[in-house]
Amino acid sequence: MDKNIGEQLNKAYEAYRQACMDRDYAVKELQQKTENYTQKIREQQEKIELQNSIIAKLKSQLAALNANR
Protein backbone atom coordinates (compact mmCIF):
# COMPACT_ATOMS: atom_id res chain seq x y z
CA MET A 1 0.00 0.00 0.00
CA ASP A 2 2.82 2.43 0.85
CA LYS A 3 4.45 1.77 -2.53
CA ASN A 4 1.20 2.66 -4.29
CA ILE A 5 0.91 5.93 -2.33
CA GLY A 6 4.52 6.79 -3.13
CA GLU A 7 3.93 6.21 -6.83
CA GLN A 8 0.80 8.36 -6.72
CA LEU A 9 2.70 11.14 -4.95
CA ASN A 10 5.50 10.94 -7.51
CA LYS A 11 3.01 11.12 -10.38
CA ALA A 12 1.19 14.02 -8.75
CA TYR A 13 4.44 15.88 -8.15
CA GLU A 14 5.59 15.29 -11.73
CA ALA A 15 2.25 16.56 -13.06
CA TYR A 16 2.53 19.63 -10.82
CA ARG A 17 6.11 20.23 -11.94
CA GLN A 18 5.12 19.93 -15.60
CA ALA A 19 2.19 22.30 -15.10
CA CYS A 20 4.54 24.86 -13.50
CA MET A 21 6.99 24.58 -16.40
CA ASP A 22 4.14 24.97 -18.90
CA ARG A 23 2.89 28.03 -17.02
CA ASP A 24 6.35 29.59 -16.92
CA TYR A 25 6.79 28.99 -20.65
CA ALA A 26 3.39 30.54 -21.37
CA VAL A 27 4.21 33.59 -19.22
CA LYS A 28 7.54 34.11 -21.01
CA GLU A 29 5.90 33.70 -24.40
CA LEU A 30 3.18 36.20 -23.48
CA GLN A 31 5.78 38.69 -22.23
CA GLN A 32 7.74 38.37 -25.47
CA LYS A 33 4.63 38.85 -27.60
CA THR A 34 3.62 41.85 -25.49
CA GLU A 35 7.05 43.42 -25.96
CA ASN A 36 6.92 42.78 -29.71
CA TYR A 37 3.43 44.28 -30.05
CA THR A 38 4.41 47.25 -27.90
CA GLN A 39 7.40 47.90 -30.16
CA LYS A 40 5.25 47.61 -33.29
CA ILE A 41 2.70 50.01 -31.81
CA ARG A 42 5.49 52.48 -30.98
CA GLU A 43 6.81 52.26 -34.54
CA GLN A 44 3.33 52.78 -35.99
CA GLN A 45 2.77 55.80 -33.74
CA GLU A 46 6.04 57.31 -34.96
CA LYS A 47 4.95 56.77 -38.57
CA ILE A 48 1.59 58.39 -37.85
CA GLU A 49 3.28 61.39 -36.25
CA LEU A 50 5.56 61.78 -39.28
CA GLN A 51 2.62 61.51 -41.67
CA ASN A 52 0.64 64.03 -39.64
CA SER A 53 3.59 66.40 -39.80
CA ILE A 54 3.79 65.98 -43.59
CA ILE A 55 0.04 66.53 -43.92
CA ALA A 56 0.24 69.70 -41.83
CA LYS A 57 3.06 71.05 -44.02
CA LEU A 58 1.15 70.22 -47.20
CA LYS A 59 -1.99 71.91 -45.85
CA SER A 60 0.07 74.96 -45.01
CA GLN A 61 1.55 75.05 -48.51
CA LEU A 62 -1.90 74.57 -50.05
CA ALA A 63 -3.32 77.39 -47.94
CA ALA A 64 -0.48 79.66 -49.03
CA LEU A 65 -1.08 78.79 -52.71
CA ASN A 66 -4.80 79.43 -52.34
CA ALA A 67 -4.13 82.74 -50.62
CA ASN A 68 -1.96 83.86 -53.55
CA ARG A 69 -4.69 83.20 -56.11
PDB file of N, CA and C in Angstrom:
ATOM      1  N   MET A   1       0.825  -1.199   0.000  1.00  0.00           N
ATOM      2  CA  MET A   1       0.000   0.000   0.000  1.00  0.00           C
ATOM      3  C   MET A   1       0.864   1.256   0.000  1.00  0.00           C
ATOM      4  N   ASP A   2       1.945   1.271   0.794  1.00  0.00           N
ATOM      5  CA  ASP A   2       2.821   2.428   0.847  1.00  0.00           C
ATOM      6  C   ASP A   2       3.478   2.689  -0.495  1.00  0.00           C
ATOM      7  N   LYS A   3       3.831   1.627  -1.210  1.00  0.00           N
ATOM      8  CA  LYS A   3       4.449   1.774  -2.528  1.00  0.00           C
ATOM      9  C   LYS A   3       3.484   2.461  -3.492  1.00  0.00           C
ATOM     10  N   ASN A   4       2.228   2.077  -3.428  1.00  0.00           N
ATOM     11  CA  ASN A   4       1.204   2.661  -4.286  1.00  0.00           C
ATOM     12  C   ASN A   4       1.039   4.150  -3.990  1.00  0.00           C
ATOM     13  N   ILE A   5       1.043   4.529  -2.711  1.00  0.00           N
ATOM     14  CA  ILE A   5       0.908   5.933  -2.325  1.00  0.00           C
ATOM     15  C   ILE A   5       2.123   6.722  -2.803  1.00  0.00           C
ATOM     16  N   GLY A   6       3.310   6.136  -2.667  1.00  0.00           N
ATOM     17  CA  GLY A   6       4.525   6.792  -3.131  1.00  0.00           C
ATOM     18  C   GLY A   6       4.503   7.035  -4.625  1.00  0.00           C
ATOM     19  N   GLU A   7       4.033   6.052  -5.370  1.00  0.00           N
ATOM     20  CA  GLU A   7       3.929   6.211  -6.831  1.00  0.00           C
ATOM     21  C   GLU A   7       2.937   7.309  -7.185  1.00  0.00           C
ATOM     22  N   GLN A   8       1.812   7.331  -6.473  1.00  0.00           N
ATOM     23  CA  GLN A   8       0.797   8.360  -6.722  1.00  0.00           C
ATOM     24  C   GLN A   8       1.360   9.752  -6.409  1.00  0.00           C
ATOM     25  N   LEU A   9       2.098   9.853  -5.300  1.00  0.00           N
ATOM     26  CA  LEU A   9       2.705  11.137  -4.951  1.00  0.00           C
ATOM     27  C   LEU A   9       3.722  11.566  -5.999  1.00  0.00           C
ATOM     28  N   ASN A  10       4.522  10.621  -6.473  1.00  0.00           N
ATOM     29  CA  ASN A  10       5.505  10.943  -7.512  1.00  0.00           C
ATOM     30  C   ASN A  10       4.822  11.405  -8.789  1.00  0.00           C
ATOM     31  N   LYS A  11       3.747  10.731  -9.170  1.00  0.00           N
ATOM     32  CA  LYS A  11       3.010  11.121 -10.376  1.00  0.00           C
ATOM     33  C   LYS A  11       2.379  12.503 -10.196  1.00  0.00           C
ATOM     34  N   ALA A  12       1.815  12.722  -9.017  1.00  0.00           N
ATOM     35  CA  ALA A  12       1.191  14.020  -8.753  1.00  0.00           C
ATOM     36  C   ALA A  12       2.230  15.131  -8.771  1.00  0.00           C
ATOM     37  N   TYR A  13       3.389  14.879  -8.162  1.00  0.00           N
ATOM     38  CA  TYR A  13       4.445  15.884  -8.146  1.00  0.00           C
ATOM     39  C   TYR A  13       4.945  16.156  -9.562  1.00  0.00           C
ATOM     40  N   GLU A  14       5.126  15.113 -10.354  1.00  0.00           N
ATOM     41  CA  GLU A  14       5.589  15.288 -11.728  1.00  0.00           C
ATOM     42  C   GLU A  14       4.573  16.078 -12.551  1.00  0.00           C
ATOM     43  N   ALA A  15       3.293  15.806 -12.350  1.00  0.00           N
ATOM     44  CA  ALA A  15       2.246  16.557 -13.056  1.00  0.00           C
ATOM     45  C   ALA A  15       2.269  18.025 -12.637  1.00  0.00           C
ATOM     46  N   TYR A  16       2.450  18.263 -11.330  1.00  0.00           N
ATOM     47  CA  TYR A  16       2.530  19.633 -10.822  1.00  0.00           C
ATOM     48  C   TYR A  16       3.748  20.340 -11.407  1.00  0.00           C
ATOM     49  N   ARG A  17       4.872  19.672 -11.403  1.00  0.00           N
ATOM     50  CA  ARG A  17       6.113  20.231 -11.942  1.00  0.00           C
ATOM     51  C   ARG A  17       5.952  20.576 -13.424  1.00  0.00           C
ATOM     52  N   GLN A  18       5.337  19.689 -14.177  1.00  0.00           N
ATOM     53  CA  GLN A  18       5.122  19.931 -15.604  1.00  0.00           C
ATOM     54  C   GLN A  18       4.179  21.112 -15.808  1.00  0.00           C
ATOM     55  N   ALA A  19       3.141  21.185 -14.991  1.00  0.00           N
ATOM     56  CA  ALA A  19       2.191  22.302 -15.095  1.00  0.00           C
ATOM     57  C   ALA A  19       2.892  23.625 -14.805  1.00  0.00           C
ATOM     58  N   CYS A  20       3.790  23.638 -13.817  1.00  0.00           N
ATOM     59  CA  CYS A  20       4.536  24.858 -13.499  1.00  0.00           C
ATOM     60  C   CYS A  20       5.451  25.249 -14.655  1.00  0.00           C
ATOM     61  N   MET A  21       6.108  24.273 -15.262  1.00  0.00           N
ATOM     62  CA  MET A  21       6.986  24.579 -16.398  1.00  0.00           C
ATOM     63  C   MET A  21       6.169  25.103 -17.579  1.00  0.00           C
ATOM     64  N   ASP A  22       5.008  24.499 -17.815  1.00  0.00           N
ATOM     65  CA  ASP A  22       4.135  24.965 -18.898  1.00  0.00           C
ATOM     66  C   ASP A  22       3.675  26.392 -18.639  1.00  0.00           C
ATOM     67  N   ARG A  23       3.329  26.673 -17.383  1.00  0.00           N
ATOM     68  CA  ARG A  23       2.886  28.027 -17.023  1.00  0.00           C
ATOM     69  C   ARG A  23       4.015  29.028 -17.228  1.00  0.00           C
ATOM     70  N   ASP A  24       5.213  28.681 -16.769  1.00  0.00           N
ATOM     71  CA  ASP A  24       6.353  29.587 -16.918  1.00  0.00           C
ATOM     72  C   ASP A  24       6.658  29.857 -18.386  1.00  0.00           C
ATOM     73  N   TYR A  25       6.568  28.820 -19.208  1.00  0.00           N
ATOM     74  CA  TYR A  25       6.792  28.994 -20.646  1.00  0.00           C
ATOM     75  C   TYR A  25       5.730  29.920 -21.238  1.00  0.00           C
ATOM     76  N   ALA A  26       4.480  29.708 -20.844  1.00  0.00           N
ATOM     77  CA  ALA A  26       3.395  30.536 -21.371  1.00  0.00           C
ATOM     78  C   ALA A  26       3.567  31.991 -20.951  1.00  0.00           C
ATOM     79  N   VAL A  27       3.995  32.219 -19.713  1.00  0.00           N
ATOM     80  CA  VAL A  27       4.210  33.587 -19.225  1.00  0.00           C
ATOM     81  C   VAL A  27       5.323  34.254 -20.022  1.00  0.00           C
ATOM     82  N   LYS A  28       6.427  33.547 -20.233  1.00  0.00           N
ATOM     83  CA  LYS A  28       7.542  34.114 -21.006  1.00  0.00           C
ATOM     84  C   LYS A  28       7.118  34.412 -22.437  1.00  0.00           C
ATOM     85  N   GLU A  29       6.370  33.493 -23.026  1.00  0.00           N
ATOM     86  CA  GLU A  29       5.900  33.699 -24.399  1.00  0.00           C
ATOM     87  C   GLU A  29       4.978  34.915 -24.475  1.00  0.00           C
ATOM     88  N   LEU A  30       4.091  35.050 -23.507  1.00  0.00           N
ATOM     89  CA  LEU A  30       3.185  36.200 -23.479  1.00  0.00           C
ATOM     90  C   LEU A  30       3.957  37.500 -23.297  1.00  0.00           C
ATOM     91  N   GLN A  31       4.963  37.489 -22.433  1.00  0.00           N
ATOM     92  CA  GLN A  31       5.778  38.693 -22.234  1.00  0.00           C
ATOM     93  C   GLN A  31       6.493  39.078 -23.521  1.00  0.00           C
ATOM     94  N   GLN A  32       7.032  38.092 -24.221  1.00  0.00           N
ATOM     95  CA  GLN A  32       7.743  38.367 -25.472  1.00  0.00           C
ATOM     96  C   GLN A  32       6.796  38.941 -26.520  1.00  0.00           C
ATOM     97  N   LYS A  33       5.613  38.345 -26.634  1.00  0.00           N
ATOM     98  CA  LYS A  33       4.634  38.852 -27.598  1.00  0.00           C
ATOM     99  C   LYS A  33       4.197  40.262 -27.232  1.00  0.00           C
ATOM    100  N   THR A  34       4.013  40.513 -25.940  1.00  0.00           N
ATOM    101  CA  THR A  34       3.618  41.846 -25.490  1.00  0.00           C
ATOM    102  C   THR A  34       4.686  42.868 -25.847  1.00  0.00           C
ATOM    103  N   GLU A  35       5.951  42.512 -25.614  1.00  0.00           N
ATOM    104  CA  GLU A  35       7.047  43.418 -25.964  1.00  0.00           C
ATOM    105  C   GLU A  35       7.089  43.673 -27.464  1.00  0.00           C
ATOM    106  N   ASN A  36       6.908  42.626 -28.248  1.00  0.00           N
ATOM    107  CA  ASN A  36       6.916  42.784 -29.708  1.00  0.00           C
ATOM    108  C   ASN A  36       5.780  43.682 -30.174  1.00  0.00           C
ATOM    109  N   TYR A  37       4.575  43.454 -29.651  1.00  0.00           N
ATOM    110  CA  TYR A  37       3.434  44.276 -30.047  1.00  0.00           C
ATOM    111  C   TYR A  37       3.608  45.719 -29.592  1.00  0.00           C
ATOM    112  N   THR A  38       4.170  45.902 -28.400  1.00  0.00           N
ATOM    113  CA  THR A  38       4.408  47.252 -27.898  1.00  0.00           C
ATOM    114  C   THR A  38       5.386  47.987 -28.812  1.00  0.00           C
ATOM    115  N   GLN A  39       6.430  47.295 -29.245  1.00  0.00           N
ATOM    116  CA  GLN A  39       7.405  47.897 -30.157  1.00  0.00           C
ATOM    117  C   GLN A  39       6.757  48.240 -31.492  1.00  0.00           C
ATOM    118  N   LYS A  40       5.929  47.334 -32.022  1.00  0.00           N
ATOM    119  CA  LYS A  40       5.246  47.608 -33.295  1.00  0.00           C
ATOM    120  C   LYS A  40       4.307  48.803 -33.159  1.00  0.00           C
ATOM    121  N   ILE A  41       3.605  48.879 -32.043  1.00  0.00           N
ATOM    122  CA  ILE A  41       2.702  50.012 -31.811  1.00  0.00           C
ATOM    123  C   ILE A  41       3.496  51.310 -31.764  1.00  0.00           C
ATOM    124  N   ARG A  42       4.635  51.288 -31.070  1.00  0.00           N
ATOM    125  CA  ARG A  42       5.486  52.482 -30.975  1.00  0.00           C
ATOM    126  C   ARG A  42       5.941  52.911 -32.368  1.00  0.00           C
ATOM    127  N   GLU A  43       6.365  51.944 -33.183  1.00  0.00           N
ATOM    128  CA  GLU A  43       6.810  52.265 -34.543  1.00  0.00           C
ATOM    129  C   GLU A  43       5.676  52.837 -35.372  1.00  0.00           C
ATOM    130  N   GLN A  44       4.479  52.275 -35.235  1.00  0.00           N
ATOM    131  CA  GLN A  44       3.332  52.782 -35.993  1.00  0.00           C
ATOM    132  C   GLN A  44       2.965  54.188 -35.536  1.00  0.00           C
ATOM    133  N   GLN A  45       3.068  54.449 -34.239  1.00  0.00           N
ATOM    134  CA  GLN A  45       2.774  55.798 -33.736  1.00  0.00           C
ATOM    135  C   GLN A  45       3.771  56.813 -34.292  1.00  0.00           C
ATOM    136  N   GLU A  46       5.030  56.409 -34.389  1.00  0.00           N
ATOM    137  CA  GLU A  46       6.039  57.310 -34.960  1.00  0.00           C
ATOM    138  C   GLU A  46       5.728  57.591 -36.430  1.00  0.00           C
ATOM    139  N   LYS A  47       5.316  56.566 -37.164  1.00  0.00           N
ATOM    140  CA  LYS A  47       4.948  56.768 -38.572  1.00  0.00           C
ATOM    141  C   LYS A  47       3.755  57.701 -38.690  1.00  0.00           C
ATOM    142  N   ILE A  48       2.773  57.525 -37.821  1.00  0.00           N
ATOM    143  CA  ILE A  48       1.585  58.386 -37.847  1.00  0.00           C
ATOM    144  C   ILE A  48       1.973  59.832 -37.559  1.00  0.00           C
ATOM    145  N   GLU A  49       2.838  60.027 -36.572  1.00  0.00           N
ATOM    146  CA  GLU A  49       3.281  61.389 -36.250  1.00  0.00           C
ATOM    147  C   GLU A  49       4.004  62.020 -37.434  1.00  0.00           C
ATOM    148  N   LEU A  50       4.851  61.264 -38.103  1.00  0.00           N
ATOM    149  CA  LEU A  50       5.562  61.777 -39.283  1.00  0.00           C
ATOM    150  C   LEU A  50       4.568  62.130 -40.389  1.00  0.00           C
ATOM    151  N   GLN A  51       3.616  61.244 -40.631  1.00  0.00           N
ATOM    152  CA  GLN A  51       2.625  61.506 -41.672  1.00  0.00           C
ATOM    153  C   GLN A  51       1.766  62.714 -41.324  1.00  0.00           C
ATOM    154  N   ASN A  52       1.413  62.851 -40.052  1.00  0.00           N
ATOM    155  CA  ASN A  52       0.637  64.031 -39.636  1.00  0.00           C
ATOM    156  C   ASN A  52       1.433  65.308 -39.837  1.00  0.00           C
ATOM    157  N   SER A  53       2.726  65.239 -39.585  1.00  0.00           N
ATOM    158  CA  SER A  53       3.591  66.401 -39.804  1.00  0.00           C
ATOM    159  C   SER A  53       3.634  66.751 -41.294  1.00  0.00           C
ATOM    160  N   ILE A  54       3.774  65.749 -42.135  1.00  0.00           N
ATOM    161  CA  ILE A  54       3.792  65.979 -43.587  1.00  0.00           C
ATOM    162  C   ILE A  54       2.461  66.565 -44.051  1.00  0.00           C
ATOM    163  N   ILE A  55       1.372  66.025 -43.544  1.00  0.00           N
ATOM    164  CA  ILE A  55       0.041  66.527 -43.915  1.00  0.00           C
ATOM    165  C   ILE A  55      -0.110  67.986 -43.503  1.00  0.00           C
ATOM    166  N   ALA A  56       0.347  68.311 -42.307  1.00  0.00           N
ATOM    167  CA  ALA A  56       0.240  69.700 -41.828  1.00  0.00           C
ATOM    168  C   ALA A  56       1.043  70.638 -42.728  1.00  0.00           C
ATOM    169  N   LYS A  57       2.245  70.219 -43.133  1.00  0.00           N
ATOM    170  CA  LYS A  57       3.058  71.050 -44.023  1.00  0.00           C
ATOM    171  C   LYS A  57       2.378  71.226 -45.376  1.00  0.00           C
ATOM    172  N   LEU A  58       1.826  70.136 -45.900  1.00  0.00           N
ATOM    173  CA  LEU A  58       1.148  70.217 -47.196  1.00  0.00           C
ATOM    174  C   LEU A  58      -0.078  71.119 -47.121  1.00  0.00           C
ATOM    175  N   LYS A  59      -0.823  71.031 -46.020  1.00  0.00           N
ATOM    176  CA  LYS A  59      -1.987  71.907 -45.851  1.00  0.00           C
ATOM    177  C   LYS A  59      -1.554  73.366 -45.796  1.00  0.00           C
ATOM    178  N   SER A  60      -0.449  73.600 -45.117  1.00  0.00           N
ATOM    179  CA  SER A  60       0.065  74.963 -45.013  1.00  0.00           C
ATOM    180  C   SER A  60       0.466  75.489 -46.388  1.00  0.00           C
ATOM    181  N   GLN A  61       1.147  74.642 -47.156  1.00  0.00           N
ATOM    182  CA  GLN A  61       1.547  75.046 -48.509  1.00  0.00           C
ATOM    183  C   GLN A  61       0.330  75.283 -49.389  1.00  0.00           C
ATOM    184  N   LEU A  62      -0.674  74.419 -49.253  1.00  0.00           N
ATOM    185  CA  LEU A  62      -1.897  74.572 -50.046  1.00  0.00           C
ATOM    186  C   LEU A  62      -2.621  75.871 -49.668  1.00  0.00           C
ATOM    187  N   ALA A  63      -2.672  76.155 -48.377  1.00  0.00           N
ATOM    188  CA  ALA A  63      -3.322  77.389 -47.937  1.00  0.00           C
ATOM    189  C   ALA A  63      -2.586  78.603 -48.481  1.00  0.00           C
ATOM    190  N   ALA A  64      -1.267  78.535 -48.500  1.00  0.00           N
ATOM    191  CA  ALA A  64      -0.484  79.658 -49.032  1.00  0.00           C
ATOM    192  C   ALA A  64      -0.732  79.815 -50.531  1.00  0.00           C
ATOM    193  N   LEU A  65      -0.806  78.716 -51.260  1.00  0.00           N
ATOM    194  CA  LEU A  65      -1.085  78.793 -52.708  1.00  0.00           C
ATOM    195  C   LEU A  65      -2.474  79.360 -52.955  1.00  0.00           C
ATOM    196  N   ASN A  66      -3.438  78.919 -52.168  1.00  0.00           N
ATOM    197  CA  ASN A  66      -4.804  79.430 -52.335  1.00  0.00           C
ATOM    198  C   ASN A  66      -4.902  80.902 -51.980  1.00  0.00           C
ATOM    199  N   ALA A  67      -4.113  81.332 -51.018  1.00  0.00           N
ATOM    200  CA  ALA A  67      -4.129  82.741 -50.617  1.00  0.00           C
ATOM    201  C   ALA A  67      -3.534  83.628 -51.706  1.00  0.00           C
ATOM    202  N   ASN A  68      -2.611  83.089 -52.486  1.00  0.00           N
ATOM    203  CA  ASN A  68      -1.960  83.862 -53.549  1.00  0.00           C
ATOM    204  C   ASN A  68      -2.822  83.943 -54.802  1.00  0.00           C
ATOM    205  N   ARG A  69      -3.847  83.199 -54.897  1.00  0.00           N
ATOM    206  CA  ARG A  69      -4.695  83.204 -56.111  1.00  0.00           C
ATOM    207  C   ARG A  69      -5.611  84.367 -56.168  1.00  0.00           C
TER     208      ARG A  69
END
